[in-house]
C-alpha atoms as a PDB file:
ATOM      1  CA  MET A   1      -1.809  22.922 -20.654  1.00  0.00           C
ATOM      2  CA  ASP A   2       1.131  19.971 -21.141  1.00  0.00           C
ATOM      3  CA  PHE A   3      -1.223  16.875 -20.999  1.00  0.00           C
ATOM      4  CA  PRO A   4       1.161  14.585 -21.793  1.00  0.00           C
ATOM      5  CA  PHE A   5       2.811  15.796 -18.597  1.00  0.00           C
ATOM      6  CA  ARG A   6       0.200  15.598 -16.276  1.00  0.00           C
ATOM      7  CA  PHE A   7      -1.021  12.198 -17.541  1.00  0.00           C
ATOM      8  CA  ARG A   8       2.374  10.858 -16.720  1.00  0.00           C
ATOM      9  CA  ARG A   9       1.965  11.876 -13.173  1.00  0.00           C
ATOM     10  CA  ILE A  10      -0.434   9.993 -13.201  1.00  0.00           C
ATOM     11  CA  ARG A  11       1.773   6.606 -12.830  1.00  0.00           C
ATOM     12  CA  PHE A  12       3.275   8.473 -10.147  1.00  0.00           C
ATOM     13  CA  TYR A  13      -0.179   8.925  -8.195  1.00  0.00           C
ATOM     14  CA  LEU A  14      -1.288   5.756  -9.204  1.00  0.00           C
ATOM     15  CA  ALA A  15       2.021   3.466  -7.873  1.00  0.00           C
ATOM     16  CA  GLN A  16       1.974   5.790  -4.868  1.00  0.00           C
ATOM     17  CA  LEU A  17      -1.638   5.015  -4.035  1.00  0.00           C
ATOM     18  CA  ALA A  18      -1.530   1.296  -4.947  1.00  0.00           C
ATOM     19  CA  ALA A  19       1.857   0.641  -3.313  1.00  0.00           C
ATOM     20  CA  VAL A  20       0.393   2.181   0.089  1.00  0.00           C
ATOM     21  CA  GLY A  21      -2.953   0.574  -0.535  1.00  0.00           C
ATOM     22  CA  PHE A  22      -2.798  -3.399  -1.618  1.00  0.00           C
ATOM     23  CA  VAL A  23      -2.852  -5.716   1.367  1.00  0.00           C
ATOM     24  CA  PHE A  24      -4.827  -4.901   3.877  1.00  0.00           C
ATOM     25  CA  PHE A  25      -5.612  -7.765   5.870  1.00  0.00           C
ATOM     26  CA  ALA A  26      -4.385  -8.751   9.496  1.00  0.00           C
ATOM     27  CA  VAL A  27      -4.514 -12.113  11.554  1.00  0.00           C
ATOM     28  CA  GLY A  28      -5.925 -10.669  15.371  1.00  0.00           C
ATOM     29  CA  SER A  29      -8.983 -10.401  16.951  1.00  0.00           C
ATOM     30  CA  PRO A  30     -11.101  -7.018  18.085  1.00  0.00           C
ATOM     31  CA  SER A  31      -9.696  -6.637  21.054  1.00  0.00           C
ATOM     32  CA  VAL A  32      -6.360  -8.076  22.636  1.00  0.00           C
ATOM     33  CA  THR A  33      -5.212  -7.676  26.274  1.00  0.00           C
ATOM     34  CA  ALA A  34      -1.323  -7.197  27.072  1.00  0.00           C
ATOM     35  CA  ASP A  35      -2.060 -11.079  28.245  1.00  0.00           C
ATOM     36  CA  GLU A  36      -3.403 -12.013  25.150  1.00  0.00           C
ATOM     37  CA  GLU A  37      -0.863 -10.243  23.121  1.00  0.00           C
ATOM     38  CA  ALA A  38       1.914 -12.116  24.528  1.00  0.00           C
ATOM     39  CA  GLY A  39       0.631 -15.337  23.966  1.00  0.00           C
ATOM     40  CA  ARG A  40      -0.758 -14.441  20.412  1.00  0.00           C
ATOM     41  CA  ALA A  41       1.617 -16.572  18.217  1.00  0.00           C
ATOM     42  CA  ALA A  42       0.449 -19.388  20.419  1.00  0.00           C
ATOM     43  CA  LEU A  43      -3.317 -18.562  19.764  1.00  0.00           C
ATOM     44  CA  PRO A  44      -5.387 -20.876  17.000  1.00  0.00           C
ATOM     45  CA  GLN A  45      -4.702 -19.277  13.949  1.00  0.00           C
ATOM     46  CA  PRO A  46      -7.922 -18.403  10.747  1.00  0.00           C
ATOM     47  CA  GLY A  47      -8.189 -21.320   8.239  1.00  0.00           C
ATOM     48  CA  GLU A  48      -6.985 -20.236   4.229  1.00  0.00           C
ATOM     49  CA  LEU A  49      -8.733 -17.232   3.258  1.00  0.00           C
ATOM     50  CA  THR A  50      -8.150 -16.150  -0.735  1.00  0.00           C
ATOM     51  CA  LEU A  51      -9.418 -12.370  -1.557  1.00  0.00           C
ATOM     52  CA  SER A  52      -9.874 -11.377  -5.219  1.00  0.00           C
ATOM     53  CA  ALA A  53     -10.774  -7.522  -5.923  1.00  0.00           C
ATOM     54  CA  ARG A  54     -10.637  -5.459  -8.826  1.00  0.00           C
ATOM     55  CA  TYR A  55     -10.126  -1.408  -8.354  1.00  0.00           C
ATOM     56  CA  SER A  56     -11.078   1.424 -10.823  1.00  0.00           C
ATOM     57  CA  SER A  57      -9.525   4.916 -10.401  1.00  0.00           C
ATOM     58  CA  ARG A  58     -10.068   8.587 -12.108  1.00  0.00           C
ATOM     59  CA  VAL A  59      -8.848  11.767 -12.018  1.00  0.00           C
ATOM     60  CA  LEU A  60     -12.236  13.676 -12.092  1.00  0.00           C
ATOM     61  CA  ILE A  61     -14.761  11.767 -13.873  1.00  0.00           C
ATOM     62  CA  PHE A  62     -11.883  10.316 -16.366  1.00  0.00           C
ATOM     63  CA  PRO A  63     -11.007   6.625 -16.138  1.00  0.00           C
ATOM     64  CA  VAL A  64      -7.123   6.486 -15.577  1.00  0.00           C
ATOM     65  CA  GLY A  65      -6.275   3.009 -14.119  1.00  0.00           C
ATOM     66  CA  ASP A  66      -7.108  -0.537 -13.126  1.00  0.00           C
ATOM     67  CA  ILE A  67      -5.769  -2.182 -10.432  1.00  0.00           C
ATOM     68  CA  THR A  68      -6.332  -5.634  -9.846  1.00  0.00           C
ATOM     69  CA  PHE A  69      -5.085  -8.081  -6.833  1.00  0.00           C
ATOM     70  CA  GLN A  70      -5.029 -11.526  -5.010  1.00  0.00           C
ATOM     71  CA  ALA A  71      -4.287 -12.052  -1.597  1.00  0.00           C
ATOM     72  CA  ASN A  72      -3.621 -15.686   0.533  1.00  0.00           C
ATOM     73  CA  LEU A  73      -3.967 -16.012   3.936  1.00  0.00           C
ATOM     74  CA  SER A  74      -2.746 -18.945   5.820  1.00  0.00           C
ATOM     75  CA  GLY A  75      -2.495 -19.227   9.765  1.00  0.00           C
ATOM     76  CA  GLN A  76      -0.093 -16.310  10.237  1.00  0.00           C
ATOM     77  CA  ALA A  77       1.057 -16.145   6.858  1.00  0.00           C
ATOM     78  CA  TYR A  78       0.405 -13.913   4.059  1.00  0.00           C
ATOM     79  CA  SER A  79       0.836 -13.322   0.515  1.00  0.00           C
ATOM     80  CA  ALA A  80      -0.783 -10.977  -2.137  1.00  0.00           C
ATOM     81  CA  THR A  81      -0.176  -9.956  -5.478  1.00  0.00           C
ATOM     82  CA  THR A  82      -0.944  -6.584  -7.585  1.00  0.00           C
ATOM     83  CA  ARG A  83      -1.234  -5.501 -10.658  1.00  0.00           C
ATOM     84  CA  ILE A  84      -1.420  -1.693 -12.167  1.00  0.00           C
ATOM     85  CA  GLU A  85      -2.239  -0.696 -15.411  1.00  0.00           C
ATOM     86  CA  ALA A  86      -2.935   2.859 -17.107  1.00  0.00           C
ATOM     87  CA  ALA A  87      -6.930   2.681 -18.665  1.00  0.00           C
ATOM     88  CA  GLY A  88      -9.011   5.160 -20.543  1.00  0.00           C
ATOM     89  CA  LEU A  89      -7.780   8.996 -21.142  1.00  0.00           C
ATOM     90  CA  ALA A  90      -4.534   8.300 -19.440  1.00  0.00           C
ATOM     91  CA  ALA A  91      -3.487   5.653 -21.873  1.00  0.00           C
ATOM     92  CA  LEU A  92      -3.488   8.023 -24.988  1.00  0.00           C
ATOM     93  CA  PHE A  93      -0.605   9.550 -23.091  1.00  0.00           C
ATOM     94  CA  THR A  94       1.274   6.750 -20.797  1.00  0.00           C
ATOM     95  CA  ASP A  95       1.769   3.091 -21.009  1.00  0.00           C
ATOM     96  CA  PHE A  96       2.745   1.457 -17.963  1.00  0.00           C
ATOM     97  CA  ASP A  97       2.336  -1.433 -15.827  1.00  0.00           C
ATOM     98  CA  ILE A  98       3.279  -2.740 -12.678  1.00  0.00           C
ATOM     99  CA  ASN A  99       3.127  -5.950 -11.324  1.00  0.00           C
ATOM    100  CA  ALA A 100       3.699  -6.511  -7.401  1.00  0.00           C
ATOM    101  CA  GLU A 101       4.052  -9.359  -5.010  1.00  0.00           C
ATOM    102  CA  VAL A 102       4.768  -9.823  -1.131  1.00  0.00           C
ATOM    103  CA  ASP A 103       5.364 -12.675   1.371  1.00  0.00           C
ATOM    104  CA  GLY A 104       5.540 -12.453   4.959  1.00  0.00           C
ATOM    105  CA  VAL A 105       4.495 -13.597   8.431  1.00  0.00           C
ATOM    106  CA  LEU A 106       2.549 -11.673  11.005  1.00  0.00           C
ATOM    107  CA  ALA A 107       3.031 -12.616  14.616  1.00  0.00           C
ATOM    108  CA  ALA A 108       3.238 -11.682  17.968  1.00  0.00           C
ATOM    109  CA  SER A 109       6.842 -10.110  17.865  1.00  0.00           C
ATOM    110  CA  GLY A 110       4.984  -7.975  14.727  1.00  0.00           C
ATOM    111  CA  ILE A 111       5.130  -8.011  10.743  1.00  0.00           C
ATOM    112  CA  THR A 112       7.831  -9.320   9.316  1.00  0.00           C
ATOM    113  CA  PRO A 113       8.232  -9.785   5.813  1.00  0.00           C
ATOM    114  CA  SER A 114      10.407 -12.025   3.938  1.00  0.00           C
ATOM    115  CA  ARG A 115      10.312 -10.867   0.052  1.00  0.00           C
ATOM    116  CA  TYR A 116       8.646  -7.985  -1.729  1.00  0.00           C
ATOM    117  CA  ALA A 117       9.248  -7.702  -5.301  1.00  0.00           C
ATOM    118  CA  HIS A 118       8.002  -5.742  -8.836  1.00  0.00           C
ATOM    119  CA  VAL A 119       8.482  -5.589 -12.288  1.00  0.00           C
ATOM    120  CA  GLU A 120       7.590  -1.894 -13.537  1.00  0.00           C
ATOM    121  CA  ARG A 121       7.072  -1.667 -17.277  1.00  0.00           C
ATOM    122  CA  THR A 122       6.847   2.095 -19.448  1.00  0.00           C
ATOM    123  CA  GLY A 123       6.777   1.624 -22.730  1.00  0.00           C
ATOM    124  CA  ARG A 124      10.087  -0.902 -24.101  1.00  0.00           C
ATOM    125  CA  LYS A 125      11.449   0.096 -20.335  1.00  0.00           C
ATOM    126  CA  VAL A 126      11.487  -2.625 -18.053  1.00  0.00           C
ATOM    127  CA  ARG A 127      12.390  -2.634 -14.699  1.00  0.00           C
ATOM    128  CA  SER A 128      12.432  -5.484 -11.693  1.00  0.00           C
ATOM    129  CA  VAL A 129      13.243  -4.876  -8.312  1.00  0.00           C
ATOM    130  CA  GLU A 130      13.597  -7.081  -5.428  1.00  0.00           C
ATOM    131  CA  VAL A 131      13.680  -6.214  -1.678  1.00  0.00           C
ATOM    132  CA  SER A 132      14.688  -8.795   0.806  1.00  0.00           C
ATOM    133  CA  PHE A 133      15.211  -8.086   4.807  1.00  0.00           C
ATOM    134  CA  PRO A 134      18.250 -10.256   6.068  1.00  0.00           C
ATOM    135  CA  ALA A 135      18.445  -9.359  10.132  1.00  0.00           C
ATOM    136  CA  GLY A 136      15.905  -6.752   9.845  1.00  0.00           C
ATOM    137  CA  VAL A 137      17.447  -4.621   6.979  1.00  0.00           C
ATOM    138  CA  ALA A 138      15.676  -3.900   3.781  1.00  0.00           C
ATOM    139  CA  SER A 139      18.088  -4.742   0.772  1.00  0.00           C
ATOM    140  CA  SER A 140      17.055  -4.626  -2.700  1.00  0.00           C
ATOM    141  CA  HIS A 141      18.478  -6.192  -5.815  1.00  0.00           C
ATOM    142  CA  VAL A 142      17.464  -4.452  -9.415  1.00  0.00           C
ATOM    143  CA  GLU A 143      17.899  -4.738 -12.557  1.00  0.00           C
ATOM    144  CA  PRO A 144      18.738  -3.167 -14.760  1.00  0.00           C
ATOM    145  CA  PRO A 145      20.481  -0.827 -11.672  1.00  0.00           C
ATOM    146  CA  PHE A 146      19.242   2.812 -11.091  1.00  0.00           C
ATOM    147  CA  GLY A 147      21.501   5.231 -12.759  1.00  0.00           C
ATOM    148  CA  SER A 148      21.335   6.990  -9.414  1.00  0.00           C
ATOM    149  CA  TRP A 149      19.977   5.558  -5.569  1.00  0.00           C
ATOM    150  CA  GLY A 150      18.750   9.392  -4.940  1.00  0.00           C
ATOM    151  CA  VAL A 151      20.242  12.313  -2.923  1.00  0.00           C
ATOM    152  CA  PRO A 152      21.086  11.354  -0.884  1.00  0.00           C
ATOM    153  CA  PRO A 153      20.671   7.334  -1.210  1.00  0.00           C
ATOM    154  CA  ALA A 154      18.806   5.310   1.604  1.00  0.00           C
ATOM    155  CA  SER A 155      21.425   4.128   4.077  1.00  0.00           C
ATOM    156  CA  GLU A 156      21.674   1.200   5.903  1.00  0.00           C
ATOM    157  CA  ARG A 157      20.273   3.126   8.599  1.00  0.00           C
ATOM    158  CA  ASP A 158      17.050   4.319   7.219  1.00  0.00           C
ATOM    159  CA  ARG A 159      16.791   0.648   5.841  1.00  0.00           C
ATOM    160  CA  THR A 160      16.784  -0.869   9.534  1.00  0.00           C
ATOM    161  CA  GLY A 161      13.516  -1.485  10.975  1.00  0.00           C
ATOM    162  CA  ALA A 162      11.561  -0.661   7.244  1.00  0.00           C
ATOM    163  CA  ILE A 163       8.987  -2.667   5.582  1.00  0.00           C
ATOM    164  CA  ASP A 164       7.837  -2.914   2.132  1.00  0.00           C
ATOM    165  CA  PRO A 165       4.839  -0.959   0.709  1.00  0.00           C
ATOM    166  CA  MET A 166       2.309  -3.525   0.770  1.00  0.00           C
ATOM    167  CA  SER A 167       3.291  -4.813   3.941  1.00  0.00           C
ATOM    168  CA  ALA A 168       2.632  -1.682   5.912  1.00  0.00           C
ATOM    169  CA  PHE A 169      -0.671  -1.849   5.527  1.00  0.00           C
ATOM    170  CA  VAL A 170      -0.829  -5.394   6.669  1.00  0.00           C
ATOM    171  CA  ALA A 171       0.695  -3.423   9.964  1.00  0.00           C
ATOM    172  CA  LEU A 172      -2.230  -0.734   9.498  1.00  0.00           C
ATOM    173  CA  SER A 173      -4.993  -3.739   9.694  1.00  0.00           C
ATOM    174  CA  ASP A 174      -3.026  -5.280  12.580  1.00  0.00           C
ATOM    175  CA  GLN A 175      -3.484  -1.963  14.225  1.00  0.00           C
ATOM    176  CA  LEU A 176      -7.411  -1.509  13.567  1.00  0.00           C
ATOM    177  CA  THR A 177      -8.480  -5.630  14.239  1.00  0.00           C
ATOM    178  CA  GLN A 178      -6.201  -5.327  17.548  1.00  0.00           C
ATOM    179  CA  GLY A 179      -7.600  -2.177  19.093  1.00  0.00           C
ATOM    180  CA  ALA A 180      -6.140  -1.665  22.009  1.00  0.00           C
ATOM    181  CA  GLY A 181      -6.318   2.448  21.426  1.00  0.00           C
ATOM    182  CA  ARG A 182      -3.696   2.488  18.393  1.00  0.00           C
ATOM    183  CA  GLY A 183      -6.325   2.311  15.742  1.00  0.00           C
ATOM    184  CA  CYS A 184      -4.962   4.516  12.513  1.00  0.00           C
ATOM    185  CA  SER A 185      -1.839   6.225  14.538  1.00  0.00           C
ATOM    186  CA  GLY A 186       1.959   6.161  14.542  1.00  0.00           C
ATOM    187  CA  VAL A 187       4.323   6.278  11.510  1.00  0.00           C
ATOM    188  CA  LEU A 188       5.128   2.980   9.503  1.00  0.00           C
ATOM    189  CA  PRO A 189       8.864   3.308   7.753  1.00  0.00           C
ATOM    190  CA  VAL A 190       8.606   1.968   4.548  1.00  0.00           C
ATOM    191  CA  PHE A 191      11.578   1.143   1.908  1.00  0.00           C
ATOM    192  CA  ASP A 192      10.014   0.555  -1.866  1.00  0.00           C
ATOM    193  CA  GLY A 193      13.635  -0.827  -3.101  1.00  0.00           C
ATOM    194  CA  LYS A 194      14.731   3.025  -3.868  1.00  0.00           C
ATOM    195  CA  ALA A 195      12.503   5.399  -1.898  1.00  0.00           C
ATOM    196  CA  ARG A 196      12.632   5.296   1.696  1.00  0.00           C
ATOM    197  CA  TYR A 197       9.726   7.251   3.295  1.00  0.00           C
ATOM    198  CA  ASN A 198       7.465   7.426   6.551  1.00  0.00           C
ATOM    199  CA  LEU A 199       3.823   7.169   6.795  1.00  0.00           C
ATOM    200  CA  ARG A 200       2.289   9.140   9.003  1.00  0.00           C
ATOM    201  CA  LEU A 201      -1.304   7.952  10.086  1.00  0.00           C
ATOM    202  CA  GLU A 202      -4.110  10.289  11.622  1.00  0.00           C
ATOM    203  CA  SER A 203      -7.712   8.514  12.452  1.00  0.00           C
ATOM    204  CA  ARG A 204     -10.476  10.549  10.896  1.00  0.00           C
ATOM    205  CA  GLY A 205     -13.204   8.348  12.954  1.00  0.00           C
ATOM    206  CA  MET A 206     -15.746   6.393  10.997  1.00  0.00           C
ATOM    207  CA  ASP A 207     -17.430   7.038   7.630  1.00  0.00           C
ATOM    208  CA  ARG A 208     -20.254   5.896   5.515  1.00  0.00           C
ATOM    209  CA  VAL A 209     -19.265   4.471   2.385  1.00  0.00           C
ATOM    210  CA  ARG A 210     -20.532   2.885  -1.010  1.00  0.00           C
ATOM    211  CA  THR A 211     -18.474   2.007  -3.770  1.00  0.00           C
ATOM    212  CA  GLY A 212     -19.403  -0.762  -7.053  1.00  0.00           C
ATOM    213  CA  GLY A 213     -18.452  -3.230  -4.847  1.00  0.00           C
ATOM    214  CA  TRP A 214     -18.921  -2.207  -1.072  1.00  0.00           C
ATOM    215  CA  ARG A 215     -21.097  -0.452   0.968  1.00  0.00           C
ATOM    216  CA  GLY A 216     -21.215  -0.025   4.596  1.00  0.00           C
ATOM    217  CA  ASP A 217     -19.556   1.994   7.571  1.00  0.00           C
ATOM    218  CA  ALA A 218     -15.526   2.470   7.398  1.00  0.00           C
ATOM    219  CA  VAL A 219     -12.543   3.504   9.285  1.00  0.00           C
ATOM    220  CA  LEU A 220     -11.481   6.604   7.629  1.00  0.00           C
ATOM    221  CA  CYS A 221      -7.659   7.158   8.224  1.00  0.00           C
ATOM    222  CA  ASP A 222      -5.431   9.973   6.538  1.00  0.00           C
ATOM    223  CA  ILE A 223      -1.648   9.086   5.648  1.00  0.00           C
ATOM    224  CA  TRP A 224       1.081  11.524   5.144  1.00  0.00           C
ATOM    225  CA  TYR A 225       3.742  10.932   2.582  1.00  0.00           C
ATOM    226  CA  GLU A 226       7.023  12.057   4.015  1.00  0.00           C
ATOM    227  CA  PRO A 227      10.291  11.247   2.022  1.00  0.00           C
ATOM    228  CA  VAL A 228      13.480  10.600   3.863  1.00  0.00           C
ATOM    229  CA  ALA A 229      16.264   9.204   1.264  1.00  0.00           C
ATOM    230  CA  GLY A 230      16.341   7.605  -1.932  1.00  0.00           C
ATOM    231  CA  TYR A 231      14.958  10.452  -4.321  1.00  0.00           C
ATOM    232  CA  ASP A 232      16.570  12.151  -7.364  1.00  0.00           C
ATOM    233  CA  PRO A 233      15.337  15.831  -7.540  1.00  0.00           C
ATOM    234  CA  GLU A 234      13.343  15.459 -10.481  1.00  0.00           C
ATOM    235  CA  ASP A 235      11.060  12.875  -8.852  1.00  0.00           C
ATOM    236  CA  TYR A 236      11.160  14.642  -5.386  1.00  0.00           C
ATOM    237  CA  PRO A 237       7.103  14.717  -4.740  1.00  0.00           C
ATOM    238  CA  SER A 238       5.883  18.992  -4.861  1.00  0.00           C
ATOM    239  CA  GLU A 239       5.521  20.874  -1.852  1.00  0.00           C
ATOM    240  CA  ARG A 240       1.518  20.678  -3.159  1.00  0.00           C
ATOM    241  CA  GLU A 241       1.828  16.802  -3.438  1.00  0.00           C
ATOM    242  CA  LEU A 242       3.123  16.649   0.421  1.00  0.00           C
ATOM    243  CA  SER A 243       0.449  18.761   1.741  1.00  0.00           C
ATOM    244  CA  GLN A 244      -2.338  16.628   0.587  1.00  0.00           C
ATOM    245  CA  PRO A 245      -2.866  13.383   2.740  1.00  0.00           C
ATOM    246  CA  LEU A 246      -4.082  10.013   0.999  1.00  0.00           C
ATOM    247  CA  ARG A 247      -7.435   9.444   2.559  1.00  0.00           C
ATOM    248  CA  ILE A 248      -8.386   5.459   3.249  1.00  0.00           C
ATOM    249  CA  TRP A 249     -11.745   4.237   3.942  1.00  0.00           C
ATOM    250  CA  LEU A 250     -10.753   0.456   5.463  1.00  0.00           C
ATOM    251  CA  ALA A 251     -13.946  -1.642   5.742  1.00  0.00           C
ATOM    252  CA  PRO A 252     -14.091  -4.230   8.003  1.00  0.00           C
ATOM    253  CA  ILE A 253     -14.837  -7.629   6.309  1.00  0.00           C
ATOM    254  CA  GLU A 254     -15.409 -11.819   7.797  1.00  0.00           C
ATOM    255  CA  GLY A 255     -16.887 -10.114  11.048  1.00  0.00           C
ATOM    256  CA  GLY A 256     -13.867  -7.699  11.220  1.00  0.00           C
ATOM    257  CA  ARG A 257     -11.380  -9.883  11.327  1.00  0.00           C
ATOM    258  CA  TYR A 258      -9.533  -8.239   8.206  1.00  0.00           C
ATOM    259  CA  PHE A 259     -10.042  -4.631   6.511  1.00  0.00           C
ATOM    260  CA  LEU A 260     -10.041  -3.730   3.319  1.00  0.00           C
ATOM    261  CA  PRO A 261      -9.694  -0.559   1.546  1.00  0.00           C
ATOM    262  CA  VAL A 262     -12.604   0.527  -0.494  1.00  0.00           C
ATOM    263  CA  ARG A 263     -11.771   4.025  -1.178  1.00  0.00           C
ATOM    264  CA  LEU A 264      -8.689   6.025  -1.188  1.00  0.00           C
ATOM    265  CA  TYR A 265      -8.438   9.624  -2.612  1.00  0.00           C
ATOM    266  CA  THR A 266      -5.946  12.139  -2.819  1.00  0.00           C
ATOM    267  CA  ARG A 267      -6.126  15.817  -3.895  1.00  0.00           C
ATOM    268  CA  ALA A 268      -2.467  16.110  -4.546  1.00  0.00           C
ATOM    269  CA  GLY A 269      -2.059  17.197  -8.343  1.00  0.00           C
ATOM    270  CA  LEU A 270      -4.605  16.602 -11.196  1.00  0.00           C
ATOM    271  CA  GLY A 271      -7.323  18.005  -9.818  1.00  0.00           C
ATOM    272  CA  GLY A 272      -7.610  14.848  -7.627  1.00  0.00           C
ATOM    273  CA  VAL A 273      -7.139  10.834  -7.734  1.00  0.00           C
ATOM    274  CA  THR A 274      -9.644   8.126  -6.883  1.00  0.00           C
ATOM    275  CA  ILE A 275      -9.551   4.993  -6.271  1.00  0.00           C
ATOM    276  CA  GLU A 276     -12.832   2.610  -5.580  1.00  0.00           C
ATOM    277  CA  LEU A 277     -13.373  -1.021  -5.118  1.00  0.00           C
ATOM    278  CA  ALA A 278     -15.557  -2.146  -8.064  1.00  0.00           C
ATOM    279  CA  HIS A 279     -15.506  -6.325  -6.962  1.00  0.00           C
ATOM    280  CA  LEU A 280     -14.842  -8.289  -4.417  1.00  0.00           C
ATOM    281  CA  SER A 281     -14.458 -12.259  -3.580  1.00  0.00           C
ATOM    282  CA  ALA A 282     -13.630 -13.610  -0.387  1.00  0.00           C
ATOM    283  CA  THR A 283     -13.313 -17.596  -0.707  1.00  0.00           C
END
């Protein structure tokens, strides 16, 4: 068994799980009618809220990574930072950390990210990626540049209307808080600076969940990862990886005004990867 290879793949799973799971709030009300939606931008908005959380991740029973985040909501504006780093058994085989941040606005017209960026370090290699959204087209600046932008690269058409990975969950949380029959459904188009993919959402109803940082009922949702463009052949997910969804438990906080992932799980590769909320504070 090639343990170094298997644990290098943990970096892929942690990055994907965290990228699609760590901004988890929305400004809204439990139920929004068509008339209310039209006037939503004019409604009084909640005051400032700061969330801080720590997540642990494991493969089977073995700790493999730590994830921390801080998020701030002020009116319709949102911002967040996330840090992912190898831990436990994984740190013996792979040395990496990823720091990501996002800023944007959630209004009646929908999610409008203004800036997404992440800095990824693997050993001595460091790469920074920044994504902006001029005229609704996701565009990236990368240092040092990628050796390849994928086969094929993500075209302007692919990137038009796409949002960043962290803002994707602002959109999902917004659906959950609005009600109106949408819930966990539909497709979110995402661009992470190189790869363009869809997140296809399927509702699994409600489930009781208990972690170190949460106990109670949560919305259960399956998220299917669907590559579109911007992948090199060696980085393209395998058929097995694509055949297994990311299952996510989203818990209501602040009286149901916001939703927070409290558990994420995928069976794809390595015997299954689990991320769970270990600690949460809200001020």
